[in-house]
Amino acid sequence: MDAPLNQVIIPLSAQELFSAWNRFPEAVLYAGGTDLIGKQENNIINLPPAFLCLEKLTELQKIARTEHFLDIGSMVKLNRILNLGKIVPGAFYSCVEKIAGFQLRNLATIGGNICSPKKLLDLSAPLTALDAQYEFKNSQNITRWVLASRFHSQENQISQNKELLTRIRLPIHQWDYAVYRKFVNDDYYFTEALVFLAKTSKNILSEIRVIYKSDAIYRNKSGEDILNGKALPLYRKTADDFVENWRDFLDNRSDKSKFSKISILNSIRENVYNLSE
């Protein structure tokens, strides 16, 4: 069945959503609308023939906290996440804070950023680094959880069944050292970023995690092995070995420009030196 032009469907429940989605299988899900209309330059906005507006699905706007996790509904606006304050892990908070401006963050949703069909948007980097999980629900009310690292990987296969991202589960244990760095880029749909996380225990670097995002998510585990278990502050040679390992890692990526490599390595060097003598 073909939908009439600009058919706007506003379901009040997940059941209504999937019923409408089955009637109009080509309908586009509409969250905050920033991805759908953000780059249109015409005076008249070009909308899809049919879209499903998620604004009235209150179950997608809930936030809940347990001892170990922060559950965020997929329709929660980005500014609302910032309003949660210190409970939000630092690297993730810093990333959200750097997305566009205040007015756009009042419209943009966490789920829309995650599920954008354009590119890997900003939130993919810290959510991957922090071991976030995404809950998806289908028309049979069956849910499945997917690790952010798997969802945003190049190997991830998109489900052929219609599924709705319902919530994001974020571990809230704090890292002793957490940095999010977004590199200057004029293209909203192609950003480069670095997430640098470290945990310590009795002056021992117990865990290190560095995520680099550009056209894909990259993690250099061999570099992390250089630092894991080392005493703090790190010897400068150990820090230099870590930087050189990352240099080799980036050199194997032929698509990176010289400028990008220099910027990334400088940021990695700055952060690892903060942990050294």
C-alpha atoms as a PDB file:
ATOM      1  CA  MET A   1       0.000   0.000   0.000  1.00  0.00           C
ATOM      2  CA  ASP A   2       1.439   3.351  -1.036  1.00  0.00           C
ATOM      3  CA  ALA A   3       1.361   6.104   1.529  1.00  0.00           C
ATOM      4  CA  PRO A   4      -0.019   9.475   0.503  1.00  0.00           C
ATOM      5  CA  LEU A   5       2.481  12.299   0.179  1.00  0.00           C
ATOM      6  CA  ASN A   6       3.860  13.489   3.483  1.00  0.00           C
ATOM      7  CA  GLN A   7       1.841  11.080   5.569  1.00  0.00           C
ATOM      8  CA  VAL A   8       2.652  11.869   9.200  1.00  0.00           C
ATOM      9  CA  ILE A   9       1.934   9.051  11.641  1.00  0.00           C
ATOM     10  CA  ILE A  10       2.203   9.696  15.381  1.00  0.00           C
ATOM     11  CA  PRO A  11       1.852   6.402  17.262  1.00  0.00           C
ATOM     12  CA  LEU A  12       1.067   6.467  20.968  1.00  0.00           C
ATOM     13  CA  SER A  13       2.530   3.039  21.741  1.00  0.00           C
ATOM     14  CA  ALA A  14       5.044   0.563  20.353  1.00  0.00           C
ATOM     15  CA  GLN A  15       2.143  -1.594  19.187  1.00  0.00           C
ATOM     16  CA  GLU A  16       0.725   1.287  17.141  1.00  0.00           C
ATOM     17  CA  LEU A  17       4.191   2.034  15.782  1.00  0.00           C
ATOM     18  CA  PHE A  18       4.786  -1.455  14.419  1.00  0.00           C
ATOM     19  CA  SER A  19       1.249  -1.662  13.068  1.00  0.00           C
ATOM     20  CA  ALA A  20       1.784   1.529  11.076  1.00  0.00           C
ATOM     21  CA  TRP A  21       5.269   0.421  10.051  1.00  0.00           C
ATOM     22  CA  ASN A  22       3.812  -2.771   8.594  1.00  0.00           C
ATOM     23  CA  ARG A  23       1.241  -0.736   6.636  1.00  0.00           C
ATOM     24  CA  PHE A  24       3.884   1.678   5.363  1.00  0.00           C
ATOM     25  CA  PRO A  25       7.138  -0.350   5.240  1.00  0.00           C
ATOM     26  CA  GLU A  26       9.081   2.481   3.582  1.00  0.00           C
ATOM     27  CA  ALA A  27       8.164   5.008   6.269  1.00  0.00           C
ATOM     28  CA  VAL A  28      11.071   6.826   7.927  1.00  0.00           C
ATOM     29  CA  LEU A  29      11.398   6.989  11.715  1.00  0.00           C
ATOM     30  CA  TYR A  30      11.394  10.589  12.928  1.00  0.00           C
ATOM     31  CA  ALA A  31      12.983  11.428  16.278  1.00  0.00           C
ATOM     32  CA  GLY A  32      14.336  14.953  16.711  1.00  0.00           C
ATOM     33  CA  GLY A  33      14.421  15.646  12.978  1.00  0.00           C
ATOM     34  CA  THR A  34      17.923  17.142  13.006  1.00  0.00           C
ATOM     35  CA  ASP A  35      19.379  14.398  10.824  1.00  0.00           C
ATOM     36  CA  LEU A  36      16.446  14.356   8.427  1.00  0.00           C
ATOM     37  CA  ILE A  37      16.319  18.090   7.711  1.00  0.00           C
ATOM     38  CA  GLY A  38      19.603  19.375   9.105  1.00  0.00           C
ATOM     39  CA  LYS A  39      21.482  19.751   5.799  1.00  0.00           C
ATOM     40  CA  GLN A  40      18.587  20.834   3.603  1.00  0.00           C
ATOM     41  CA  GLU A  41      19.130  24.305   2.181  1.00  0.00           C
ATOM     42  CA  ASN A  42      15.894  24.892   0.285  1.00  0.00           C
ATOM     43  CA  ASN A  43      13.161  27.129   1.643  1.00  0.00           C
ATOM     44  CA  ILE A  44      10.738  24.232   1.316  1.00  0.00           C
ATOM     45  CA  ILE A  45      11.787  21.219   3.369  1.00  0.00           C
ATOM     46  CA  ASN A  46      11.877  17.958   1.453  1.00  0.00           C
ATOM     47  CA  LEU A  47      10.186  15.309   3.594  1.00  0.00           C
ATOM     48  CA  PRO A  48       9.792  11.592   2.885  1.00  0.00           C
ATOM     49  CA  PRO A  49       6.379  10.397   1.643  1.00  0.00           C
ATOM     50  CA  ALA A  50       5.658   8.928   5.074  1.00  0.00           C
ATOM     51  CA  PHE A  51       7.327   9.140   8.439  1.00  0.00           C
ATOM     52  CA  LEU A  52       6.651   7.782  11.891  1.00  0.00           C
ATOM     53  CA  CYS A  53       7.055  10.450  14.558  1.00  0.00           C
ATOM     54  CA  LEU A  54       8.294   8.950  17.840  1.00  0.00           C
ATOM     55  CA  GLU A  55       7.607  12.037  19.962  1.00  0.00           C
ATOM     56  CA  LYS A  56       4.572  10.576  21.769  1.00  0.00           C
ATOM     57  CA  LEU A  57       6.220   7.288  22.765  1.00  0.00           C
ATOM     58  CA  THR A  58       6.749   8.174  26.416  1.00  0.00           C
ATOM     59  CA  GLU A  59       8.442   4.844  27.134  1.00  0.00           C
ATOM     60  CA  LEU A  60      11.359   6.052  24.987  1.00  0.00           C
ATOM     61  CA  GLN A  61      11.833   9.179  27.094  1.00  0.00           C
ATOM     62  CA  LYS A  62      12.563   7.534  30.422  1.00  0.00           C
ATOM     63  CA  ILE A  63      15.829   7.719  32.351  1.00  0.00           C
ATOM     64  CA  ALA A  64      16.593   5.240  35.123  1.00  0.00           C
ATOM     65  CA  ARG A  65      19.625   4.655  37.313  1.00  0.00           C
ATOM     66  CA  THR A  66      20.761   1.534  39.117  1.00  0.00           C
ATOM     67  CA  GLU A  67      23.901   0.942  41.144  1.00  0.00           C
ATOM     68  CA  HIS A  68      25.933   0.108  38.049  1.00  0.00           C
ATOM     69  CA  PHE A  69      24.048   1.431  35.022  1.00  0.00           C
ATOM     70  CA  LEU A  70      22.373   4.475  33.581  1.00  0.00           C
ATOM     71  CA  ASP A  71      19.480   3.599  31.255  1.00  0.00           C
ATOM     72  CA  ILE A  72      18.588   6.342  28.779  1.00  0.00           C
ATOM     73  CA  GLY A  73      15.542   6.112  26.519  1.00  0.00           C
ATOM     74  CA  SER A  74      16.306   6.530  22.834  1.00  0.00           C
ATOM     75  CA  MET A  75      14.094   9.654  22.554  1.00  0.00           C
ATOM     76  CA  VAL A  76      15.846  11.529  25.368  1.00  0.00           C
ATOM     77  CA  LYS A  77      17.100  14.905  24.123  1.00  0.00           C
ATOM     78  CA  LEU A  78      20.822  15.640  24.376  1.00  0.00           C
ATOM     79  CA  ASN A  79      20.427  18.667  26.666  1.00  0.00           C
ATOM     80  CA  ARG A  80      18.448  16.528  29.096  1.00  0.00           C
ATOM     81  CA  ILE A  81      21.458  14.208  29.341  1.00  0.00           C
ATOM     82  CA  LEU A  82      23.684  17.159  30.213  1.00  0.00           C
ATOM     83  CA  ASN A  83      21.222  18.173  32.916  1.00  0.00           C
ATOM     84  CA  LEU A  84      21.910  14.866  34.692  1.00  0.00           C
ATOM     85  CA  GLY A  85      25.296  16.248  35.744  1.00  0.00           C
ATOM     86  CA  LYS A  86      28.060  14.218  37.359  1.00  0.00           C
ATOM     87  CA  ILE A  87      26.278  10.873  37.066  1.00  0.00           C
ATOM     88  CA  VAL A  88      27.103  10.922  33.342  1.00  0.00           C
ATOM     89  CA  PRO A  89      30.601   9.489  32.619  1.00  0.00           C
ATOM     90  CA  GLY A  90      32.981  12.326  31.830  1.00  0.00           C
ATOM     91  CA  ALA A  91      34.018  11.374  28.285  1.00  0.00           C
ATOM     92  CA  PHE A  92      30.394  10.868  27.241  1.00  0.00           C
ATOM     93  CA  TYR A  93      29.305  14.142  28.859  1.00  0.00           C
ATOM     94  CA  SER A  94      32.094  16.017  27.079  1.00  0.00           C
ATOM     95  CA  CYS A  95      31.050  14.524  23.742  1.00  0.00           C
ATOM     96  CA  VAL A  96      27.382  15.476  24.171  1.00  0.00           C
ATOM     97  CA  GLU A  97      28.408  18.983  25.223  1.00  0.00           C
ATOM     98  CA  LYS A  98      30.360  19.459  21.983  1.00  0.00           C
ATOM     99  CA  ILE A  99      27.519  18.452  19.660  1.00  0.00           C
ATOM    100  CA  ALA A 100      26.261  21.523  17.784  1.00  0.00           C
ATOM    101  CA  GLY A 101      24.669  24.285  19.863  1.00  0.00           C
ATOM    102  CA  PHE A 102      22.156  24.540  22.674  1.00  0.00           C
ATOM    103  CA  GLN A 103      19.096  24.898  20.448  1.00  0.00           C
ATOM    104  CA  LEU A 104      19.966  21.890  18.302  1.00  0.00           C
ATOM    105  CA  ARG A 105      20.634  19.774  21.399  1.00  0.00           C
ATOM    106  CA  ASN A 106      17.107  20.634  22.542  1.00  0.00           C
ATOM    107  CA  LEU A 107      15.854  18.777  19.458  1.00  0.00           C
ATOM    108  CA  ALA A 108      18.431  16.073  18.838  1.00  0.00           C
ATOM    109  CA  THR A 109      17.968  12.719  20.562  1.00  0.00           C
ATOM    110  CA  ILE A 110      20.505  10.155  21.682  1.00  0.00           C
ATOM    111  CA  GLY A 111      18.819   7.472  19.566  1.00  0.00           C
ATOM    112  CA  GLY A 112      18.815   9.639  16.467  1.00  0.00           C
ATOM    113  CA  ASN A 113      22.546  10.245  16.790  1.00  0.00           C
ATOM    114  CA  ILE A 114      23.241   6.533  17.226  1.00  0.00           C
ATOM    115  CA  CYS A 115      21.028   5.335  14.366  1.00  0.00           C
ATOM    116  CA  SER A 116      21.798   7.994  11.776  1.00  0.00           C
ATOM    117  CA  PRO A 117      22.066   6.342   8.342  1.00  0.00           C
ATOM    118  CA  LYS A 118      24.557   8.949   7.143  1.00  0.00           C
ATOM    119  CA  LYS A 119      27.794   8.229   9.011  1.00  0.00           C
ATOM    120  CA  LEU A 120      29.101   7.308  12.408  1.00  0.00           C
ATOM    121  CA  LEU A 121      28.079  10.366  14.368  1.00  0.00           C
ATOM    122  CA  ASP A 122      29.710  11.735  17.511  1.00  0.00           C
ATOM    123  CA  LEU A 123      28.230   9.526  20.225  1.00  0.00           C
ATOM    124  CA  SER A 124      29.487   6.298  18.660  1.00  0.00           C
ATOM    125  CA  ALA A 125      33.034   6.883  19.966  1.00  0.00           C
ATOM    126  CA  PRO A 126      32.437   7.354  23.725  1.00  0.00           C
ATOM    127  CA  LEU A 127      29.592   4.820  23.803  1.00  0.00           C
ATOM    128  CA  THR A 128      31.904   2.226  22.244  1.00  0.00           C
ATOM    129  CA  ALA A 129      34.723   3.105  24.632  1.00  0.00           C
ATOM    130  CA  LEU A 130      32.428   2.861  27.661  1.00  0.00           C
ATOM    131  CA  ASP A 131      30.964  -0.559  26.730  1.00  0.00           C
ATOM    132  CA  ALA A 132      27.444   0.785  26.295  1.00  0.00           C
ATOM    133  CA  GLN A 133      24.684  -1.556  25.174  1.00  0.00           C
ATOM    134  CA  TYR A 134      21.676  -0.853  22.957  1.00  0.00           C
ATOM    135  CA  GLU A 135      18.261  -2.447  23.461  1.00  0.00           C
ATOM    136  CA  PHE A 136      16.191  -3.153  20.348  1.00  0.00           C
ATOM    137  CA  LYS A 137      12.560  -4.253  20.261  1.00  0.00           C
ATOM    138  CA  ASN A 138      10.610  -5.836  17.382  1.00  0.00           C
ATOM    139  CA  SER A 139       6.900  -6.117  16.584  1.00  0.00           C
ATOM    140  CA  GLN A 140       6.604  -9.296  18.694  1.00  0.00           C
ATOM    141  CA  ASN A 141       7.862  -7.319  21.705  1.00  0.00           C
ATOM    142  CA  ILE A 142      11.040  -9.398  21.686  1.00  0.00           C
ATOM    143  CA  THR A 143      14.102  -7.468  22.811  1.00  0.00           C
ATOM    144  CA  ARG A 144      17.774  -7.987  22.131  1.00  0.00           C
ATOM    145  CA  TRP A 145      20.852  -6.226  23.462  1.00  0.00           C
ATOM    146  CA  VAL A 146      23.740  -5.227  21.206  1.00  0.00           C
ATOM    147  CA  LEU A 147      27.117  -3.924  22.350  1.00  0.00           C
ATOM    148  CA  ALA A 148      27.899  -0.468  21.001  1.00  0.00           C
ATOM    149  CA  SER A 149      31.252  -1.765  19.747  1.00  0.00           C
ATOM    150  CA  ARG A 150      29.471  -4.385  17.661  1.00  0.00           C
ATOM    151  CA  PHE A 151      26.712  -2.071  16.436  1.00  0.00           C
ATOM    152  CA  HIS A 152      29.189   0.528  15.184  1.00  0.00           C
ATOM    153  CA  SER A 153      31.689  -1.936  13.730  1.00  0.00           C
ATOM    154  CA  GLN A 154      32.250  -2.368   9.999  1.00  0.00           C
ATOM    155  CA  GLU A 155      31.301  -6.022  10.327  1.00  0.00           C
ATOM    156  CA  ASN A 156      27.898  -5.304  11.855  1.00  0.00           C
ATOM    157  CA  GLN A 157      25.020  -6.649   9.826  1.00  0.00           C
ATOM    158  CA  ILE A 158      21.865  -4.560  10.058  1.00  0.00           C
ATOM    159  CA  SER A 159      18.865  -6.672  10.982  1.00  0.00           C
ATOM    160  CA  GLN A 160      16.463  -7.216   8.100  1.00  0.00           C
ATOM    161  CA  ASN A 161      13.559  -7.169  10.545  1.00  0.00           C
ATOM    162  CA  LYS A 162      12.032  -3.905  11.654  1.00  0.00           C
ATOM    163  CA  GLU A 163      13.438  -3.061  15.076  1.00  0.00           C
ATOM    164  CA  LEU A 164      13.210  -0.005  17.285  1.00  0.00           C
ATOM    165  CA  LEU A 165      16.076   1.247  19.427  1.00  0.00           C
ATOM    166  CA  THR A 166      14.401   1.637  22.807  1.00  0.00           C
ATOM    167  CA  ARG A 167      17.141   2.434  25.323  1.00  0.00           C
ATOM    168  CA  ILE A 168      20.856   2.812  25.854  1.00  0.00           C
ATOM    169  CA  ARG A 169      22.486   1.196  28.880  1.00  0.00           C
ATOM    170  CA  LEU A 170      25.614   2.993  30.007  1.00  0.00           C
ATOM    171  CA  PRO A 171      27.926   1.667  32.754  1.00  0.00           C
ATOM    172  CA  ILE A 172      28.443   4.467  35.276  1.00  0.00           C
ATOM    173  CA  HIS A 173      31.654   3.318  36.934  1.00  0.00           C
ATOM    174  CA  GLN A 174      34.038   6.245  36.720  1.00  0.00           C
ATOM    175  CA  TRP A 175      37.430   6.241  35.049  1.00  0.00           C
ATOM    176  CA  ASP A 176      40.278   7.956  36.864  1.00  0.00           C
ATOM    177  CA  TYR A 177      41.387   9.653  33.672  1.00  0.00           C
ATOM    178  CA  ALA A 178      38.867  10.372  30.915  1.00  0.00           C
ATOM    179  CA  VAL A 179      39.302  12.643  27.907  1.00  0.00           C
ATOM    180  CA  TYR A 180      37.198  13.200  24.814  1.00  0.00           C
ATOM    181  CA  ARG A 181      38.810  15.177  22.000  1.00  0.00           C
ATOM    182  CA  LYS A 182      36.901  16.199  18.890  1.00  0.00           C
ATOM    183  CA  PHE A 183      39.017  17.343  15.952  1.00  0.00           C
ATOM    184  CA  VAL A 184      37.959  20.349  13.913  1.00  0.00           C
ATOM    185  CA  ASN A 185      35.905  19.340  10.900  1.00  0.00           C
ATOM    186  CA  ASP A 186      33.333  21.319   8.952  1.00  0.00           C
ATOM    187  CA  ASP A 187      31.426  18.206   7.899  1.00  0.00           C
ATOM    188  CA  TYR A 188      28.718  17.430  10.480  1.00  0.00           C
ATOM    189  CA  TYR A 189      28.430  13.887   9.173  1.00  0.00           C
ATOM    190  CA  PHE A 190      32.137  13.097   9.255  1.00  0.00           C
ATOM    191  CA  THR A 191      33.851  13.914  12.517  1.00  0.00           C
ATOM    192  CA  GLU A 192      37.098  12.625  13.938  1.00  0.00           C
ATOM    193  CA  ALA A 193      37.444  12.082  17.657  1.00  0.00           C
ATOM    194  CA  LEU A 194      39.644  10.431  20.267  1.00  0.00           C
ATOM    195  CA  VAL A 195      38.538   8.900  23.563  1.00  0.00           C
ATOM    196  CA  PHE A 196      41.298   8.243  26.104  1.00  0.00           C
ATOM    197  CA  LEU A 197      40.333   6.351  29.280  1.00  0.00           C
ATOM    198  CA  ALA A 198      42.462   5.025  32.127  1.00  0.00           C
ATOM    199  CA  LYS A 199      41.803   3.276  35.445  1.00  0.00           C
ATOM    200  CA  THR A 200      44.296   3.032  38.276  1.00  0.00           C
ATOM    201  CA  SER A 201      44.602   0.874  41.352  1.00  0.00           C
ATOM    202  CA  LYS A 202      47.277   1.497  43.975  1.00  0.00           C
ATOM    203  CA  ASN A 203      49.389   3.488  41.502  1.00  0.00           C
ATOM    204  CA  ILE A 204      49.095   0.758  38.887  1.00  0.00           C
ATOM    205  CA  LEU A 205      47.528   1.412  35.491  1.00  0.00           C
ATOM    206  CA  SER A 206      44.943  -1.358  35.663  1.00  0.00           C
ATOM    207  CA  GLU A 207      43.130  -0.572  32.409  1.00  0.00           C
ATOM    208  CA  ILE A 208      43.671   1.672  29.420  1.00  0.00           C
ATOM    209  CA  ARG A 209      41.276   2.204  26.545  1.00  0.00           C
ATOM    210  CA  VAL A 210      41.836   4.438  23.536  1.00  0.00           C
ATOM    211  CA  ILE A 211      39.235   4.737  20.777  1.00  0.00           C
ATOM    212  CA  TYR A 212      39.736   6.682  17.573  1.00  0.00           C
ATOM    213  CA  LYS A 213      36.738   7.450  15.342  1.00  0.00           C
ATOM    214  CA  SER A 214      36.721   8.676  11.787  1.00  0.00           C
ATOM    215  CA  ASP A 215      35.024   6.742   8.987  1.00  0.00           C
ATOM    216  CA  ALA A 216      35.029   3.762  11.377  1.00  0.00           C
ATOM    217  CA  ILE A 217      35.785   2.938  15.004  1.00  0.00           C
ATOM    218  CA  TYR A 218      39.404   1.970  15.657  1.00  0.00           C
ATOM    219  CA  ARG A 219      40.922   0.445  18.772  1.00  0.00           C
ATOM    220  CA  ASN A 220      44.603  -0.442  19.014  1.00  0.00           C
ATOM    221  CA  LYS A 221      44.694  -3.254  21.571  1.00  0.00           C
ATOM    222  CA  SER A 222      48.385  -3.983  21.072  1.00  0.00           C
ATOM    223  CA  GLY A 223      49.093  -0.422  22.173  1.00  0.00           C
ATOM    224  CA  GLU A 224      46.939  -0.842  25.269  1.00  0.00           C
ATOM    225  CA  ASP A 225      48.939  -3.959  26.201  1.00  0.00           C
ATOM    226  CA  ILE A 226      52.062  -1.784  26.420  1.00  0.00           C
ATOM    227  CA  LEU A 227      50.540   0.217  29.292  1.00  0.00           C
ATOM    228  CA  ASN A 228      48.310  -2.232  31.143  1.00  0.00           C
ATOM    229  CA  GLY A 229      49.808  -3.194  34.507  1.00  0.00           C
ATOM    230  CA  LYS A 230      52.485  -0.499  34.463  1.00  0.00           C
ATOM    231  CA  ALA A 231      53.279   1.538  37.566  1.00  0.00           C
ATOM    232  CA  LEU A 232      52.389   5.206  37.678  1.00  0.00           C
ATOM    233  CA  PRO A 233      53.765   7.606  36.798  1.00  0.00           C
ATOM    234  CA  LEU A 234      54.787   5.897  33.552  1.00  0.00           C
ATOM    235  CA  TYR A 235      58.395   5.980  32.439  1.00  0.00           C
ATOM    236  CA  ARG A 236      58.748   8.399  29.550  1.00  0.00           C
ATOM    237  CA  LYS A 237      60.162   5.623  27.355  1.00  0.00           C
ATOM    238  CA  THR A 238      57.060   3.527  27.973  1.00  0.00           C
ATOM    239  CA  ALA A 239      54.877   6.466  26.983  1.00  0.00           C
ATOM    240  CA  ASP A 240      56.977   7.002  23.839  1.00  0.00           C
ATOM    241  CA  ASP A 241      56.645   3.315  22.940  1.00  0.00           C
ATOM    242  CA  PHE A 242      52.891   3.677  23.196  1.00  0.00           C
ATOM    243  CA  VAL A 243      52.896   6.684  20.854  1.00  0.00           C
ATOM    244  CA  GLU A 244      55.148   4.902  18.341  1.00  0.00           C
ATOM    245  CA  ASN A 245      52.866   1.869  18.425  1.00  0.00           C
ATOM    246  CA  TRP A 246      49.965   4.130  17.515  1.00  0.00           C
ATOM    247  CA  ARG A 247      52.042   5.731  14.754  1.00  0.00           C
ATOM    248  CA  ASP A 248      52.564   2.302  13.198  1.00  0.00           C
ATOM    249  CA  PHE A 249      48.878   1.534  13.658  1.00  0.00           C
ATOM    250  CA  LEU A 250      47.849   4.699  11.797  1.00  0.00           C
ATOM    251  CA  ASP A 251      50.504   4.229   9.089  1.00  0.00           C
ATOM    252  CA  ASN A 252      48.740   1.025   8.096  1.00  0.00           C
ATOM    253  CA  ARG A 253      45.670   3.083   7.270  1.00  0.00           C
ATOM    254  CA  SER A 254      46.267   4.547   3.830  1.00  0.00           C
ATOM    255  CA  ASP A 255      43.153   6.749   3.928  1.00  0.00           C
ATOM    256  CA  LYS A 256      44.423   9.032   6.707  1.00  0.00           C
ATOM    257  CA  SER A 257      45.846  12.387   5.684  1.00  0.00           C
ATOM    258  CA  LYS A 258      49.174  13.544   7.070  1.00  0.00           C
ATOM    259  CA  PHE A 259      47.428  16.331   8.988  1.00  0.00           C
ATOM    260  CA  SER A 260      45.017  13.921  10.652  1.00  0.00           C
ATOM    261  CA  LYS A 261      47.793  11.569  11.695  1.00  0.00           C
ATOM    262  CA  ILE A 262      49.779  14.405  13.249  1.00  0.00           C
ATOM    263  CA  SER A 263      46.725  15.716  15.127  1.00  0.00           C
ATOM    264  CA  ILE A 264      45.779  12.289  16.436  1.00  0.00           C
ATOM    265  CA  LEU A 265      49.305  11.408  17.518  1.00  0.00           C
ATOM    266  CA  ASN A 266      49.757  14.765  19.235  1.00  0.00           C
ATOM    267  CA  SER A 267      46.573  14.166  21.216  1.00  0.00           C
ATOM    268  CA  ILE A 268      47.624  10.628  22.142  1.00  0.00           C
ATOM    269  CA  ARG A 269      51.075  11.882  23.171  1.00  0.00           C
ATOM    270  CA  GLU A 270      49.599  14.667  25.307  1.00  0.00           C
ATOM    271  CA  ASN A 271      47.319  12.273  27.174  1.00  0.00           C
ATOM    272  CA  VAL A 272      49.834   9.506  27.790  1.00  0.00           C
ATOM    273  CA  TYR A 273      52.422  12.076  28.902  1.00  0.00           C
ATOM    274  CA  ASN A 274      49.885  13.254  31.500  1.00  0.00           C
ATOM    275  CA  LEU A 275      50.272   9.785  33.034  1.00  0.00           C
ATOM    276  CA  SER A 276      54.077   9.778  32.861  1.00  0.00           C
ATOM    277  CA  GLU A 277      56.964  11.364  34.700  1.00  0.00           C
END
